[in-house]
Protein backbone atom coordinates (compact mmCIF):
# COMPACT_ATOMS: atom_id res chain seq x y z
CA UNK A 1 -26.60 51.81 -70.67
CA UNK A 2 -26.04 55.60 -70.51
CA UNK A 3 -23.81 55.18 -67.44
CA UNK A 4 -21.68 52.59 -69.29
CA UNK A 5 -21.25 54.91 -72.25
CA UNK A 6 -20.28 57.79 -69.92
CA UNK A 7 -17.67 55.54 -68.25
CA UNK A 8 -16.24 54.70 -71.66
CA UNK A 9 -16.14 58.38 -72.69
CA UNK A 10 -14.51 59.32 -69.36
CA UNK A 11 -11.84 56.66 -69.94
CA UNK A 12 -11.15 58.03 -73.42
CA UNK A 13 -10.84 61.56 -72.03
CA UNK A 14 -8.41 60.52 -69.29
CA UNK A 15 -6.38 58.45 -71.76
CA UNK A 16 -6.19 61.40 -74.16
CA UNK A 17 -5.01 63.75 -71.40
CA UNK A 18 -2.51 61.15 -70.16
CA UNK A 19 -1.15 60.87 -73.69
CA UNK A 20 -0.71 64.64 -73.87
CA UNK A 21 1.05 64.65 -70.48
CA UNK A 22 3.43 61.88 -71.54
CA UNK A 23 4.16 63.78 -74.78
CA UNK A 24 5.42 66.69 -72.69
CA UNK A 25 8.13 64.33 -71.41
CA UNK A 26 9.20 63.68 -75.03
CA UNK A 27 7.74 60.17 -74.89
CA UNK A 28 5.16 58.61 -77.28
CA UNK A 29 1.56 59.46 -76.38
CA UNK A 30 0.56 55.81 -76.73
CA UNK A 31 2.49 55.10 -73.53
CA UNK A 32 0.03 57.28 -71.62
CA UNK A 33 -2.90 55.53 -73.27
CA UNK A 34 -1.58 52.10 -72.32
CA UNK A 35 -0.94 53.09 -68.71
CA UNK A 36 -4.44 54.59 -68.46
CA UNK A 37 -5.96 51.42 -69.88
CA UNK A 38 -4.17 49.25 -67.32
CA UNK A 39 -5.17 51.47 -64.39
CA UNK A 40 -8.79 52.20 -65.36
CA UNK A 41 -9.53 48.81 -66.92
CA UNK A 42 -11.42 45.83 -65.44
CA UNK A 43 -8.39 44.53 -63.53
CA UNK A 44 -7.71 47.66 -61.46
CA UNK A 45 -9.89 50.74 -60.82
CA UNK A 46 -12.66 49.39 -63.11
CA UNK A 47 -13.86 52.71 -64.45
CA UNK A 48 -14.23 50.63 -67.60
CA UNK A 49 -15.53 47.34 -66.12
CA UNK A 50 -15.71 43.97 -67.85
CA UNK A 51 -19.48 44.16 -68.38
CA UNK A 52 -18.91 47.23 -70.62
CA UNK A 53 -16.28 45.34 -72.61
CA UNK A 54 -18.79 42.50 -73.07
CA UNK A 55 -21.61 44.65 -74.47
CA UNK A 56 -22.57 44.28 -78.14
CA UNK A 57 -22.16 48.00 -78.92
CA UNK A 58 -18.62 48.06 -77.51
CA UNK A 59 -17.60 44.93 -79.42
CA UNK A 60 -19.03 46.42 -82.62
CA UNK A 61 -16.98 49.59 -82.14
CA UNK A 62 -13.85 47.52 -81.49
CA UNK A 63 -14.44 45.48 -84.67
CA UNK A 64 -14.74 48.65 -86.74
CA UNK A 65 -11.68 50.20 -85.10
CA UNK A 66 -9.60 47.04 -85.66
CA UNK A 67 -10.54 47.13 -89.31
CA UNK A 68 -9.78 50.86 -89.60
CA UNK A 69 -6.43 50.38 -87.89
CA UNK A 70 -5.67 47.68 -90.44
CA UNK A 71 -6.42 50.26 -93.13
CA UNK A 72 -3.63 52.51 -91.87
CA UNK A 73 -1.20 49.59 -91.89
CA UNK A 74 -2.22 48.23 -95.28
CA UNK A 75 -1.23 51.43 -97.07
CA UNK A 76 2.38 50.49 -96.29
CA UNK A 77 2.09 47.31 -98.38
CA UNK A 78 2.65 49.00 -101.73
CA UNK A 79 4.35 46.50 -103.99
CA UNK A 80 6.72 49.06 -105.57
CA UNK A 81 8.08 49.95 -102.13
CA UNK A 82 8.33 46.38 -100.84
CA UNK A 83 10.09 45.30 -104.03
CA UNK A 84 12.91 47.74 -103.26
CA UNK A 85 13.71 45.83 -100.07
CA UNK A 86 13.41 42.49 -101.84
CA UNK A 87 14.42 39.34 -100.05
CA UNK A 88 15.85 41.20 -97.05
CA UNK A 89 12.38 42.18 -95.78
CA UNK A 90 10.93 38.68 -96.16
CA UNK A 91 13.99 36.92 -94.72
CA UNK A 92 14.16 39.27 -91.72
CA UNK A 93 10.44 38.92 -91.03
CA UNK A 94 10.40 35.13 -91.26
CA UNK A 95 13.66 34.73 -89.32
CA UNK A 96 12.67 36.86 -86.34
CA UNK A 97 9.09 35.51 -86.28
CA UNK A 98 9.78 31.82 -86.69
CA UNK A 99 13.00 32.10 -84.71
CA UNK A 100 11.04 33.50 -81.76
CA UNK A 101 8.46 30.74 -82.09
CA UNK A 102 11.04 27.95 -82.15
CA UNK A 103 13.10 29.34 -79.26
CA UNK A 104 10.15 30.03 -76.93
CA UNK A 105 8.48 26.72 -77.78
CA UNK A 106 11.71 24.82 -77.11
CA UNK A 107 12.30 26.49 -73.74
CA UNK A 108 8.76 25.85 -72.53
CA UNK A 109 8.78 22.28 -73.86
CA UNK A 110 11.92 21.53 -71.84
CA UNK A 111 10.47 23.14 -68.70
CA UNK A 112 7.17 21.29 -69.12
CA UNK A 113 9.01 18.00 -69.65
CA UNK A 114 10.63 18.25 -66.22
CA UNK A 115 7.30 19.33 -64.66
CA UNK A 116 5.51 16.27 -66.09
CA UNK A 117 3.37 18.50 -68.29
CA UNK A 118 2.88 17.51 -71.94
CA UNK A 119 5.81 19.06 -73.80
CA UNK A 120 3.72 19.92 -76.86
CA UNK A 121 1.89 22.58 -74.82
CA UNK A 122 5.10 24.59 -75.09
CA UNK A 123 4.16 25.32 -78.69
CA UNK A 124 1.12 27.24 -77.43
CA UNK A 125 3.45 29.64 -75.62
CA UNK A 126 5.59 29.87 -78.74
CA UNK A 127 2.50 30.93 -80.67
CA UNK A 128 1.58 33.49 -78.02
CA UNK A 129 5.12 34.91 -78.16
CA UNK A 130 4.52 35.80 -81.81
CA UNK A 131 1.64 38.11 -80.90
CA UNK A 132 2.76 41.61 -81.80
CA UNK A 133 0.98 44.94 -81.54
CA UNK A 134 1.72 47.13 -84.58
CA UNK A 135 -0.23 49.97 -82.95
CA UNK A 136 2.79 51.39 -81.06
CA UNK A 137 4.94 51.43 -84.18
CA UNK A 138 2.27 53.14 -86.28
CA UNK A 139 1.40 55.57 -83.49
CA UNK A 140 5.03 56.62 -82.99
CA UNK A 141 5.65 56.98 -86.73
CA UNK A 142 2.51 59.13 -87.10
CA UNK A 143 3.15 61.22 -84.00
CA UNK A 144 6.79 62.05 -84.73
CA UNK A 145 6.43 62.05 -88.54
CA UNK A 146 9.46 59.83 -88.95
CA UNK A 147 10.89 59.20 -92.41
CA UNK A 148 13.68 57.08 -93.78
CA UNK A 149 14.75 53.50 -94.50
CA UNK A 150 14.06 52.23 -90.97
CA UNK A 151 10.50 53.60 -90.94
CA UNK A 152 9.82 52.38 -94.46
CA UNK A 153 10.92 48.88 -93.46
CA UNK A 154 9.38 48.80 -89.97
CA UNK A 155 5.69 49.13 -90.85
CA UNK A 156 5.58 46.55 -93.67
CA UNK A 157 7.54 44.19 -91.41
CA UNK A 158 5.00 44.73 -88.60
CA UNK A 159 2.14 43.81 -90.95
CA UNK A 160 3.89 40.74 -92.36
CA UNK A 161 4.90 39.71 -88.85
CA UNK A 162 1.26 39.79 -87.77
CA UNK A 163 0.23 37.62 -90.72
CA UNK A 164 2.90 35.07 -89.83
CA UNK A 165 1.83 35.22 -86.19
CA UNK A 166 -1.81 34.60 -87.05
CA UNK A 167 -0.91 31.65 -89.28
CA UNK A 168 1.36 30.03 -86.68
CA UNK A 169 -0.90 30.67 -83.69
CA UNK A 170 -4.08 29.27 -85.23
CA UNK A 171 -2.21 26.28 -86.65
CA UNK A 172 -0.66 25.42 -83.28
CA UNK A 173 -3.95 26.10 -81.47
CA UNK A 174 -5.85 23.74 -83.77
CA UNK A 175 -3.30 20.94 -83.35
CA UNK A 176 -3.29 21.26 -79.55
CA UNK A 177 -7.09 21.47 -79.36
CA UNK A 178 -7.44 18.29 -81.39
CA UNK A 179 -4.77 16.56 -79.32
CA UNK A 180 -6.15 17.58 -75.92
CA UNK A 181 -9.90 17.37 -76.35
CA UNK A 182 -10.69 16.39 -79.90
CA UNK A 183 -11.13 20.03 -80.87
CA UNK A 184 -13.92 20.93 -83.23
CA UNK A 185 -11.74 23.14 -85.43
CA UNK A 186 -10.80 21.20 -88.55
CA UNK A 187 -7.26 21.61 -89.79
CA UNK A 188 -8.77 22.46 -93.16
CA UNK A 189 -10.29 25.59 -91.60
CA UNK A 190 -6.87 27.05 -90.76
CA UNK A 191 -6.21 28.25 -94.34
CA UNK A 192 -9.75 29.65 -94.36
CA UNK A 193 -9.06 31.76 -91.24
CA UNK A 194 -5.93 33.15 -92.86
CA UNK A 195 -6.89 33.49 -96.52
CA UNK A 196 -10.58 34.43 -96.32
CA UNK A 197 -10.00 37.83 -94.62
CA UNK A 198 -7.36 38.59 -97.26
CA UNK A 199 -9.70 37.68 -100.12
CA UNK A 200 -12.73 39.52 -98.69
CA UNK A 201 -10.76 42.66 -97.85
CA UNK A 202 -8.98 42.67 -101.21
CA UNK A 203 -12.22 42.36 -103.19
CA UNK A 204 -13.79 45.31 -101.40
CA UNK A 205 -10.46 47.17 -101.66
CA UNK A 206 -10.35 46.75 -105.44
CA UNK A 207 -13.84 48.20 -105.70
CA UNK A 208 -12.81 51.11 -103.43
CA UNK A 209 -9.66 51.65 -105.51
CA UNK A 210 -11.68 52.07 -108.69
CA UNK A 211 -13.73 54.78 -106.99
CA UNK A 212 -10.72 56.44 -105.31
CA UNK A 213 -9.04 56.89 -108.69
CA UNK A 214 -11.85 59.25 -109.64
CA UNK A 215 -12.33 60.86 -106.21
CA UNK A 216 -11.26 64.46 -105.64
CA UNK A 217 -11.16 66.26 -102.31
CA UNK A 218 -10.76 65.20 -98.69
CA UNK A 219 -14.48 64.72 -98.05
CA UNK A 220 -14.97 62.35 -100.97
CA UNK A 221 -11.92 60.28 -99.98
CA UNK A 222 -13.05 60.04 -96.35
CA UNK A 223 -16.57 58.99 -97.32
CA UNK A 224 -15.20 56.24 -99.57
CA UNK A 225 -12.84 55.00 -96.82
CA UNK A 226 -15.51 55.04 -94.11
CA UNK A 227 -17.97 53.24 -96.38
CA UNK A 228 -15.32 50.68 -97.36
CA UNK A 229 -14.27 49.99 -93.76
CA UNK A 230 -17.87 49.71 -92.62
CA UNK A 231 -18.72 47.31 -95.44
CA UNK A 232 -15.59 45.23 -94.77
CA UNK A 233 -16.41 45.05 -91.05
CA UNK A 234 -20.03 44.13 -91.77
CA UNK A 235 -19.04 41.32 -94.15
CA UNK A 236 -16.54 40.02 -91.60
CA UNK A 237 -19.17 40.12 -88.85
CA UNK A 238 -21.66 38.28 -91.05
CA UNK A 239 -19.11 35.58 -91.88
CA UNK A 240 -18.18 35.20 -88.20
CA UNK A 241 -21.74 34.94 -86.95
CA UNK A 242 -23.73 33.36 -89.77
CA UNK A 243 -21.36 31.29 -91.91
CA UNK A 244 -18.60 30.09 -89.58
CA UNK A 245 -19.52 29.25 -86.01
CA UNK A 246 -16.30 27.65 -84.80
CA UNK A 247 -13.67 30.08 -86.13
CA UNK A 248 -13.14 33.83 -85.93
CA UNK A 249 -11.82 35.94 -88.78
CA UNK A 250 -9.28 38.65 -87.97
CA UNK A 251 -10.73 42.15 -88.50
CA UNK A 252 -7.35 43.86 -88.63
CA UNK A 253 -6.29 41.49 -91.41
CA UNK A 254 -9.51 42.40 -93.23
CA UNK A 255 -8.60 46.08 -93.00
CA UNK A 256 -4.99 45.48 -94.04
CA UNK A 257 -5.98 43.58 -97.20
CA UNK A 258 -8.69 46.16 -97.96
CA UNK A 259 -6.26 49.08 -97.93
CA UNK A 260 -3.37 47.16 -99.50
CA UNK A 261 -5.60 46.44 -102.51
CA UNK A 262 -6.58 50.05 -103.23
CA UNK A 263 -3.11 51.38 -102.28
CA UNK A 264 -1.59 49.40 -105.14
CA UNK A 265 -4.18 50.76 -107.58
CA UNK A 266 -3.86 54.50 -106.98
CA UNK A 267 -0.83 56.74 -107.59
CA UNK A 268 2.26 56.05 -105.49
CA UNK A 269 1.95 59.26 -103.45
CA UNK A 270 -1.77 59.01 -102.76
CA UNK A 271 -1.78 56.18 -100.13
CA UNK A 272 0.10 58.41 -97.67
CA UNK A 273 -2.34 61.27 -98.32
CA UNK A 274 -5.30 58.93 -97.83
CA UNK A 275 -3.85 57.70 -94.53
CA UNK A 276 -3.26 61.25 -93.32
CA UNK A 277 -6.87 62.15 -94.13
CA UNK A 278 -8.10 59.17 -92.17
CA UNK A 279 -5.82 59.83 -89.17
CA UNK A 280 -7.06 63.42 -89.00
CA UNK A 281 -10.64 62.17 -89.23
CA UNK A 282 -10.04 59.65 -86.42
CA UNK A 283 -8.58 62.35 -84.18
CA UNK A 284 -11.54 64.66 -84.83
CA UNK A 285 -13.99 61.84 -84.01
CA UNK A 286 -12.18 61.27 -80.71
CA UNK A 287 -12.46 64.97 -79.90
CA UNK A 288 -16.18 64.95 -80.65
CA UNK A 289 -16.67 61.87 -78.42
CA UNK A 290 -14.74 63.53 -75.64
């Protein structure tokens, strides 16, 4: 157990140093982290082997971090800002997301048809093609402190794109599972997988927003955020393990809805301040772990 934790800490240290080295080349630090993960992960050097990734403590940390990452994204979903972009944001998000899905699905369906493979399996690859990682966008924006119309549009679009991706992927996956092997996931559970994380996160976020309105000082804000994220993660874990046994709720979506709720309750300038507090806290935690 101790050896596994040391391997994880060593991987974090090397990734951090690699990020700093890449930054010297005027490139985003996240590029160094990604390269380190590929080299030291379970498919290469295995400093961080698969049995570490499968441990309960590691999965718990990942759940919490997914939720906390969602928090940093959700602060971009302030209604007053989104309203300024109006239909353009929604149309662009839906067009590029669904357009990608249709194009990739069509190409794979044609290829599978000539390979005597069921053409409908092409839709699975279309759903996979929608999978996006908003982490690079957020990391680059935070690292280089970018401002302007592109930045203000990019992050909300990344969040909305992920929501569309989740909806399409789980819908396609459920249809294929039922078609191939009589899958156990009911089609009625698809809206639950999408809407329940939003409802749960928003309810906890409203409660956190009421408290944040009265909070003063960095320490108080951080304590409220950490408590809110931990509670949101715990509720999500309980729902995944005790209530629903055949579906998995998305922890990042829980965090997004949690922070979007309180971000729309507090003053317009405060969400950015809250996010900066949390980013600084996350960096200090990483330093302490290293």
